[in-house]
Structure formats: C-alpha cells, structure tokens
C-alpha atoms as a PDB file:
ATOM      1  CA  MET A   1      53.445 -35.149  -7.261  1.00  0.00           C
ATOM      2  CA  ASN A   2      54.236 -33.832  -3.758  1.00  0.00           C
ATOM      3  CA  TYR A   3      53.946 -30.225  -2.604  1.00  0.00           C
ATOM      4  CA  ARG A   4      57.652 -29.421  -3.121  1.00  0.00           C
ATOM      5  CA  GLN A   5      57.452 -30.591  -6.719  1.00  0.00           C
ATOM      6  CA  ILE A   6      54.281 -28.535  -7.257  1.00  0.00           C
ATOM      7  CA  TRP A   7      56.009 -25.385  -5.968  1.00  0.00           C
ATOM      8  CA  GLN A   8      59.142 -26.055  -8.052  1.00  0.00           C
ATOM      9  CA  GLN A   9      57.129 -26.629 -11.197  1.00  0.00           C
ATOM     10  CA  ALA A  10      55.616 -23.173 -10.841  1.00  0.00           C
ATOM     11  CA  ASN A  11      58.570 -21.230  -9.396  1.00  0.00           C
ATOM     12  CA  GLY A  12      61.749 -23.080 -10.290  1.00  0.00           C
ATOM     13  CA  PRO A  13      64.343 -24.705  -7.997  1.00  0.00           C
ATOM     14  CA  ILE A  14      63.909 -24.325  -4.236  1.00  0.00           C
ATOM     15  CA  PRO A  15      66.746 -22.093  -2.919  1.00  0.00           C
ATOM     16  CA  VAL A  16      69.234 -23.049  -0.196  1.00  0.00           C
ATOM     17  CA  ASP A  17      70.634 -20.927   2.640  1.00  0.00           C
ATOM     18  CA  GLU A  18      74.278 -20.077   3.416  1.00  0.00           C
ATOM     19  CA  GLN A  19      74.685 -23.389   5.275  1.00  0.00           C
ATOM     20  CA  GLY A  20      73.482 -25.380   2.299  1.00  0.00           C
ATOM     21  CA  ARG A  21      70.097 -26.194   3.865  1.00  0.00           C
ATOM     22  CA  SER A  22      67.080 -26.267   1.594  1.00  0.00           C
ATOM     23  CA  TYR A  23      64.307 -23.733   2.120  1.00  0.00           C
ATOM     24  CA  GLU A  24      61.028 -25.187   3.436  1.00  0.00           C
ATOM     25  CA  ILE A  25      57.638 -25.238   1.693  1.00  0.00           C
ATOM     26  CA  HIS A  26      54.997 -24.257   4.254  1.00  0.00           C
ATOM     27  CA  HIS A  27      51.258 -24.936   4.041  1.00  0.00           C
ATOM     28  CA  VAL A  28      49.622 -21.600   4.891  1.00  0.00           C
ATOM     29  CA  ASP A  29      46.342 -23.054   6.181  1.00  0.00           C
ATOM     30  CA  GLY A  30      48.099 -25.840   8.116  1.00  0.00           C
ATOM     31  CA  ASN A  31      46.492 -28.568   5.999  1.00  0.00           C
ATOM     32  CA  ARG A  32      49.294 -30.697   4.525  1.00  0.00           C
ATOM     33  CA  LYS A  33      46.831 -32.288   2.110  1.00  0.00           C
ATOM     34  CA  ASN A  34      45.948 -28.941   0.553  1.00  0.00           C
ATOM     35  CA  ASN A  35      48.694 -28.663  -2.071  1.00  0.00           C
ATOM     36  CA  ASP A  36      47.083 -25.874  -4.026  1.00  0.00           C
ATOM     37  CA  LEU A  37      49.799 -23.492  -5.213  1.00  0.00           C
ATOM     38  CA  SER A  38      48.114 -20.554  -3.416  1.00  0.00           C
ATOM     39  CA  ASN A  39      48.495 -22.481  -0.130  1.00  0.00           C
ATOM     40  CA  LEU A  40      52.251 -23.026  -0.517  1.00  0.00           C
ATOM     41  CA  VAL A  41      54.939 -20.535   0.499  1.00  0.00           C
ATOM     42  CA  CYS A  42      58.729 -20.911   0.371  1.00  0.00           C
ATOM     43  CA  ILE A  43      60.489 -19.807   3.593  1.00  0.00           C
ATOM     44  CA  THR A  44      63.751 -20.432   5.445  1.00  0.00           C
ATOM     45  CA  ILE A  45      63.941 -23.346   7.858  1.00  0.00           C
ATOM     46  CA  GLU A  46      64.230 -20.922  10.826  1.00  0.00           C
ATOM     47  CA  GLU A  47      61.055 -19.101   9.738  1.00  0.00           C
ATOM     48  CA  HIS A  48      59.277 -22.411   9.364  1.00  0.00           C
ATOM     49  CA  LEU A  49      60.292 -23.425  12.901  1.00  0.00           C
ATOM     50  CA  ARG A  50      59.060 -20.122  14.397  1.00  0.00           C
ATOM     51  CA  ILE A  51      55.653 -20.515  12.719  1.00  0.00           C
ATOM     52  CA  HIS A  52      55.098 -24.000  14.133  1.00  0.00           C
ATOM     53  CA  GLU A  53      56.410 -22.973  17.564  1.00  0.00           C
ATOM     54  CA  LYS A  54      53.738 -20.270  17.672  1.00  0.00           C
ATOM     55  CA  GLN A  55      51.137 -22.843  16.643  1.00  0.00           C
ATOM     56  CA  GLY A  56      52.297 -25.230  19.385  1.00  0.00           C
ATOM     57  CA  ASP A  57      52.807 -28.059  16.895  1.00  0.00           C
ATOM     58  CA  GLU A  58      55.515 -30.004  18.750  1.00  0.00           C
ATOM     59  CA  ALA A  59      55.738 -32.867  16.263  1.00  0.00           C
ATOM     60  CA  ALA A  60      56.333 -30.485  13.347  1.00  0.00           C
ATOM     61  CA  CYS A  61      58.908 -28.514  15.396  1.00  0.00           C
ATOM     62  CA  HIS A  62      60.788 -31.716  16.199  1.00  0.00           C
ATOM     63  CA  ALA A  63      60.854 -32.755  12.529  1.00  0.00           C
ATOM     64  CA  ILE A  64      62.136 -29.310  11.502  1.00  0.00           C
ATOM     65  CA  ARG A  65      64.870 -29.350  14.183  1.00  0.00           C
ATOM     66  CA  VAL A  66      65.988 -32.759  12.930  1.00  0.00           C
ATOM     67  CA  ARG A  67      66.341 -31.305   9.431  1.00  0.00           C
ATOM     68  CA  MET A  68      68.126 -28.237  10.816  1.00  0.00           C
ATOM     69  CA  HIS A  69      70.743 -30.205  12.750  1.00  0.00           C
ATOM     70  CA  ASN A  70      70.605 -33.424  10.727  1.00  0.00           C
ATOM     71  CA  GLU A  71      70.144 -35.443  13.915  1.00  0.00           C
ATOM     72  CA  ALA A  72      67.346 -36.538  16.234  1.00  0.00           C
ATOM     73  CA  GLN A  73      66.759 -34.528  19.396  1.00  0.00           C
ATOM     74  CA  LYS A  74      67.908 -36.617  22.373  1.00  0.00           C
ATOM     75  CA  GLY A  75      65.438 -37.075  25.177  1.00  0.00           C
ATOM     76  CA  TRP A  76      62.602 -35.641  23.094  1.00  0.00           C
ATOM     77  CA  LYS A  77      59.152 -37.172  23.508  1.00  0.00           C
ATOM     78  CA  HIS A  78      55.812 -36.563  21.796  1.00  0.00           C
ATOM     79  CA  SER A  79      53.282 -34.677  23.887  1.00  0.00           C
ATOM     80  CA  LEU A  80      50.074 -36.412  24.985  1.00  0.00           C
ATOM     81  CA  LYS A  81      48.162 -34.437  22.354  1.00  0.00           C
ATOM     82  CA  SER A  82      50.564 -35.543  19.614  1.00  0.00           C
ATOM     83  CA  ARG A  83      50.390 -39.173  20.759  1.00  0.00           C
ATOM     84  CA  GLU A  84      46.592 -39.044  20.630  1.00  0.00           C
ATOM     85  CA  LYS A  85      46.728 -37.686  17.062  1.00  0.00           C
ATOM     86  CA  MET A  86      49.138 -40.436  16.025  1.00  0.00           C
ATOM     87  CA  SER A  87      46.917 -43.064  17.657  1.00  0.00           C
ATOM     88  CA  ILE A  88      43.835 -41.798  15.817  1.00  0.00           C
ATOM     89  CA  ALA A  89      45.760 -41.773  12.531  1.00  0.00           C
ATOM     90  CA  LYS A  90      46.879 -45.389  13.018  1.00  0.00           C
ATOM     91  CA  LYS A  91      43.390 -46.671  13.792  1.00  0.00           C
ATOM     92  CA  GLY A  92      41.890 -48.289  10.759  1.00  0.00           C
ATOM     93  CA  ALA A  93      45.248 -48.486   8.984  1.00  0.00           C
ATOM     94  CA  VAL A  94      45.634 -51.774   7.136  1.00  0.00           C
ATOM     95  CA  ARG A  95      48.960 -53.500   7.638  1.00  0.00           C
ATOM     96  CA  MET A  96      50.284 -54.980   4.414  1.00  0.00           C
ATOM     97  CA  PRO A  97      51.429 -58.611   4.768  1.00  0.00           C
ATOM     98  CA  HIS A  98      55.148 -59.341   4.332  1.00  0.00           C
ATOM     99  CA  THR A  99      56.225 -60.682   0.957  1.00  0.00           C
ATOM    100  CA  GLU A 100      57.810 -64.126   0.760  1.00  0.00           C
ATOM    101  CA  GLU A 101      61.155 -62.464   0.024  1.00  0.00           C
ATOM    102  CA  THR A 102      60.888 -60.311   3.174  1.00  0.00           C
ATOM    103  CA  LYS A 103      59.857 -63.324   5.276  1.00  0.00           C
ATOM    104  CA  LYS A 104      62.901 -65.218   4.016  1.00  0.00           C
ATOM    105  CA  LYS A 105      65.214 -62.302   4.887  1.00  0.00           C
ATOM    106  CA  MET A 106      63.721 -62.068   8.387  1.00  0.00           C
ATOM    107  CA  SER A 107      64.120 -65.811   8.875  1.00  0.00           C
ATOM    108  CA  ASN A 108      67.761 -65.781   7.724  1.00  0.00           C
ATOM    109  CA  ALA A 109      68.521 -62.830  10.023  1.00  0.00           C
ATOM    110  CA  LYS A 110      67.259 -64.787  13.055  1.00  0.00           C
ATOM    111  CA  LYS A 111      69.185 -67.965  12.293  1.00  0.00           C
ATOM    112  CA  GLY A 112      72.042 -68.688  14.683  1.00  0.00           C
ATOM    113  CA  LYS A 113      70.968 -65.988  17.145  1.00  0.00           C
ATOM    114  CA  LYS A 114      70.690 -66.986  20.801  1.00  0.00           C
ATOM    115  CA  LEU A 115      68.882 -65.124  23.524  1.00  0.00           C
ATOM    116  CA  SER A 116      71.041 -63.624  26.234  1.00  0.00           C
ATOM    117  CA  GLU A 117      70.381 -64.616  29.844  1.00  0.00           C
ATOM    118  CA  GLU A 118      68.944 -61.139  30.434  1.00  0.00           C
ATOM    119  CA  SER A 119      66.494 -61.539  27.541  1.00  0.00           C
ATOM    120  CA  ARG A 120      65.482 -64.985  28.779  1.00  0.00           C
ATOM    121  CA  GLN A 121      64.739 -63.595  32.235  1.00  0.00           C
ATOM    122  CA  LYS A 122      62.658 -60.781  30.734  1.00  0.00           C
ATOM    123  CA  LEU A 123      60.610 -63.318  28.767  1.00  0.00           C
ATOM    124  CA  ILE A 124      60.075 -65.419  31.887  1.00  0.00           C
ATOM    125  CA  GLU A 125      58.957 -62.378  33.888  1.00  0.00           C
ATOM    126  CA  SER A 126      56.656 -61.316  31.045  1.00  0.00           C
ATOM    127  CA  LYS A 127      55.048 -64.768  30.899  1.00  0.00           C
ATOM    128  CA  LYS A 128      54.631 -64.782  34.666  1.00  0.00           C
ATOM    129  CA  ALA A 129      52.837 -61.436  34.503  1.00  0.00           C
ATOM    130  CA  ASN A 130      50.602 -62.585  31.648  1.00  0.00           C
ATOM    131  CA  SER A 131      49.768 -65.847  33.425  1.00  0.00           C
ATOM    132  CA  THR A 132      48.124 -63.884  36.249  1.00  0.00           C
ATOM    133  CA  LEU A 133      45.611 -62.342  33.844  1.00  0.00           C
ATOM    134  CA  ASN A 134      42.169 -63.938  34.036  1.00  0.00           C
ATOM    135  CA  HIS A 135      40.283 -63.930  30.755  1.00  0.00           C
ATOM    136  CA  SER A 136      36.562 -63.341  30.906  1.00  0.00           C
ATOM    137  CA  ALA A 137      34.188 -66.183  30.000  1.00  0.00           C
ATOM    138  CA  GLU A 138      33.366 -64.362  26.765  1.00  0.00           C
ATOM    139  CA  THR A 139      37.059 -64.059  25.837  1.00  0.00           C
ATOM    140  CA  ARG A 140      37.720 -67.731  26.664  1.00  0.00           C
ATOM    141  CA  LEU A 141      34.806 -68.745  24.451  1.00  0.00           C
ATOM    142  CA  LYS A 142      36.160 -66.633  21.566  1.00  0.00           C
ATOM    143  CA  MET A 143      39.637 -68.164  22.000  1.00  0.00           C
ATOM    144  CA  SER A 144      38.151 -71.649  22.030  1.00  0.00           C
ATOM    145  CA  GLU A 145      36.159 -70.997  18.863  1.00  0.00           C
ATOM    146  CA  ALA A 146      39.231 -69.544  17.168  1.00  0.00           C
ATOM    147  CA  LYS A 147      41.273 -72.664  17.938  1.00  0.00           C
ATOM    148  CA  LYS A 148      38.684 -75.070  16.558  1.00  0.00           C
ATOM    149  CA  GLY A 149      39.712 -76.315  13.159  1.00  0.00           C
ATOM    150  CA  LYS A 150      43.015 -74.447  13.363  1.00  0.00           C
ATOM    151  CA  VAL A 151      45.688 -76.178  11.283  1.00  0.00           C
ATOM    152  CA  THR A 152      49.129 -76.391  12.864  1.00  0.00           C
ATOM    153  CA  TRP A 153      52.174 -75.609  10.728  1.00  0.00           C
ATOM    154  CA  THR A 154      53.268 -79.287  10.736  1.00  0.00           C
ATOM    155  CA  LYS A 155      49.901 -80.858   9.962  1.00  0.00           C
ATOM    156  CA  GLY A 156      49.761 -82.232   6.445  1.00  0.00           C
ATOM    157  CA  ARG A 157      53.310 -81.148   5.658  1.00  0.00           C
ATOM    158  CA  LYS A 158      55.979 -83.499   4.375  1.00  0.00           C
ATOM    159  CA  ALA A 159      59.712 -83.030   4.801  1.00  0.00           C
ATOM    160  CA  SER A 160      61.696 -82.570   1.605  1.00  0.00           C
ATOM    161  CA  LEU A 161      64.335 -85.132   0.590  1.00  0.00           C
ATOM    162  CA  GLU A 162      67.061 -82.646   1.581  1.00  0.00           C
ATOM    163  CA  THR A 163      65.518 -82.203   5.039  1.00  0.00           C
ATOM    164  CA  LYS A 164      65.178 -85.966   5.495  1.00  0.00           C
ATOM    165  CA  LEU A 165      68.874 -86.449   4.672  1.00  0.00           C
ATOM    166  CA  LYS A 166      69.863 -83.752   7.191  1.00  0.00           C
ATOM    167  CA  MET A 167      67.705 -85.365   9.883  1.00  0.00           C
ATOM    168  CA  SER A 168      69.227 -88.760   9.095  1.00  0.00           C
ATOM    169  CA  LYS A 169      72.790 -87.416   9.444  1.00  0.00           C
ATOM    170  CA  ILE A 170      71.943 -85.778  12.752  1.00  0.00           C
ATOM    171  CA  ARG A 171      70.414 -88.996  14.124  1.00  0.00           C
ATOM    172  CA  LYS A 172      73.450 -91.061  13.119  1.00  0.00           C
ATOM    173  CA  GLY A 173      75.643 -88.996  15.407  1.00  0.00           C
ATOM    174  CA  VAL A 174      73.283 -89.264  18.370  1.00  0.00           C
ATOM    175  CA  SER A 175      74.264 -91.789  21.035  1.00  0.00           C
ATOM    176  CA  LYS A 176      71.524 -94.301  21.803  1.00  0.00           C
ATOM    177  CA  GLY A 177      72.804 -95.285  25.220  1.00  0.00           C
ATOM    178  CA  PRO A 178      70.622 -95.487  28.324  1.00  0.00           C
ATOM    179  CA  GLN A 179      68.816 -92.300  29.216  1.00  0.00           C
ATOM    180  CA  VAL A 180      69.969 -90.321  32.210  1.00  0.00           C
ATOM    181  CA  ARG A 181      67.146 -89.723  34.665  1.00  0.00           C
ATOM    182  CA  VAL A 182      66.984 -86.132  35.841  1.00  0.00           C
ATOM    183  CA  GLU A 183      64.758 -84.260  38.239  1.00  0.00           C
ATOM    184  CA  CYS A 184      63.241 -80.833  37.568  1.00  0.00           C
ATOM    185  CA  PRO A 185      64.323 -78.429  40.349  1.00  0.00           C
ATOM    186  CA  HIS A 186      61.053 -76.469  40.056  1.00  0.00           C
ATOM    187  CA  CYS A 187      58.330 -79.135  40.200  1.00  0.00           C
ATOM    188  CA  GLY A 188      60.225 -82.285  41.189  1.00  0.00           C
ATOM    189  CA  ALA A 189      59.213 -84.261  38.076  1.00  0.00           C
ATOM    190  CA  VAL A 190      61.650 -87.031  37.049  1.00  0.00           C
ATOM    191  CA  GLY A 191      62.249 -88.064  33.448  1.00  0.00           C
ATOM    192  CA  GLY A 192      64.654 -88.683  30.590  1.00  0.00           C
ATOM    193  CA  ASN A 193      65.965 -86.711  27.624  1.00  0.00           C
ATOM    194  CA  ALA A 194      62.672 -84.916  26.942  1.00  0.00           C
ATOM    195  CA  MET A 195      62.653 -83.293  30.383  1.00  0.00           C
ATOM    196  CA  LYS A 196      64.497 -80.171  29.232  1.00  0.00           C
ATOM    197  CA  ARG A 197      61.785 -79.473  26.719  1.00  0.00           C
ATOM    198  CA  TRP A 198      58.999 -79.257  29.288  1.00  0.00           C
ATOM    199  CA  HIS A 199      60.833 -78.610  32.555  1.00  0.00           C
ATOM    200  CA  PHE A 200      63.854 -76.735  33.965  1.00  0.00           C
ATOM    201  CA  ASN A 201      63.787 -73.257  32.309  1.00  0.00           C
ATOM    202  CA  ASN A 202      60.533 -74.193  30.505  1.00  0.00           C
ATOM    203  CA  CYS A 203      58.774 -75.573  33.590  1.00  0.00           C
ATOM    204  CA  LYS A 204      55.154 -74.470  33.890  1.00  0.00           C
ATOM    205  CA  THR A 205      55.587 -73.732  37.574  1.00  0.00           C
ATOM    206  CA  LEU A 206      57.808 -70.804  36.583  1.00  0.00           C
ATOM    207  CA  PHE A 207      54.835 -69.271  34.846  1.00  0.00           C
ATOM    208  CA  GLY A 208      52.336 -69.912  37.605  1.00  0.00           C
ATOM    209  CA  GLU A 209      50.832 -73.002  35.947  1.00  0.00           C
ATOM    210  CA  SER A 210      50.370 -76.461  37.413  1.00  0.00           C
ATOM    211  CA  ASN A 211      51.804 -79.604  35.787  1.00  0.00           C
END
C-alpha cells in the first residue's frame, strides 16, 4: 500500500482543486519511505511546490511542475547534486534479465531496419575513438581469461528444417558465375565476393587497425 492509499484509508478520498488537479500527499520529515500517517499531510499542488522550492529539492520541484502542467519542462536538467544522488541510488541495483517474450519483441522490432548514413558514420567515428584506447596489461589479461572457453552463438547449434529450406531457396537464386575481383579503396587488398564483409566500409584501416 503506497502513501496516498494510506492517507485515503484514514481520511477518505483525496480532494481536487478547481482545475481538477489532485491534492498532493507530502512527507513532513522529507523521508518518502516513512509512510506513517502522522508524517503525511494533504496539501495543494502549489503548496507542495513551494515547500520543495524552499528545500532546494530540484528533482521534486520538476516532478511537481510536470504534474501541474501535465508536460515535461523543456530544457530542464538535473543539478550536479541530483545526478550524484541518482548515481548513488543506481549503484548496486540488479538489472532483471529480459524475458524470452521481451527478447522476441525486441528482435522483431529491429527486423528490416537499416542504419542511415549518418548513423553509420557515427558508429565508424565511435569505433575509431575506441580503437585509440590502450588497455592496461591487467585489463588485457582479464579480457583474455574471459574469452577462454567462451562458446559462440553458432557453436553446437543446428539449423532447423525450416531454416535449411530458406537457405536452400536463397542459394538457388544466387548466380554461380565467375567472381568479380575488386580492390578495397582503404587498404588496397584485392579479392572476390567476400571482400565487402571485411573491407570497404568494414575495413580495419578505418578503425586504426592493420590488416
């Protein structure tokens, strides 16, 4: 039972103002976890805003203004103090893994989507920046240990009959003529059909790596 329900159970329905906005339930001692009835007071939304303005609680003021105007405040940012509080609150929080149903929805939402040229360039620039980072010997050792015995998503997996049929249909429509030799404009490597996978926009030289 939350604090609004506790107050209503003891005092009846929470009133509304002339604009149809619900009154606020304020924690007198400022501790939102203290839902003792003696610590709860019913006040107008304007009164609630004034109290938190005096206390300098910017996050609470922002939340109250959103409720007052039913819209987010444009250009508003958390103060450094508020960001530090949020950071401390998040530390130690355990992230619940996605359910299979959620994973499927996320996968379906991504299907058919293609990155814009702008997004591709941002990814390239991001990889270039990351490639300049030099890991310490300790970090490299940890990464190496983590990779040992790591099972890839394809290892040990078998394609279903439906997948095999799809792959077969795709292959039937692929021309098996002579490969066209192409040259990567970034590193000068020459090859056949597989070149686009490892060169051109995916060339390691774009990311500061050597072939």
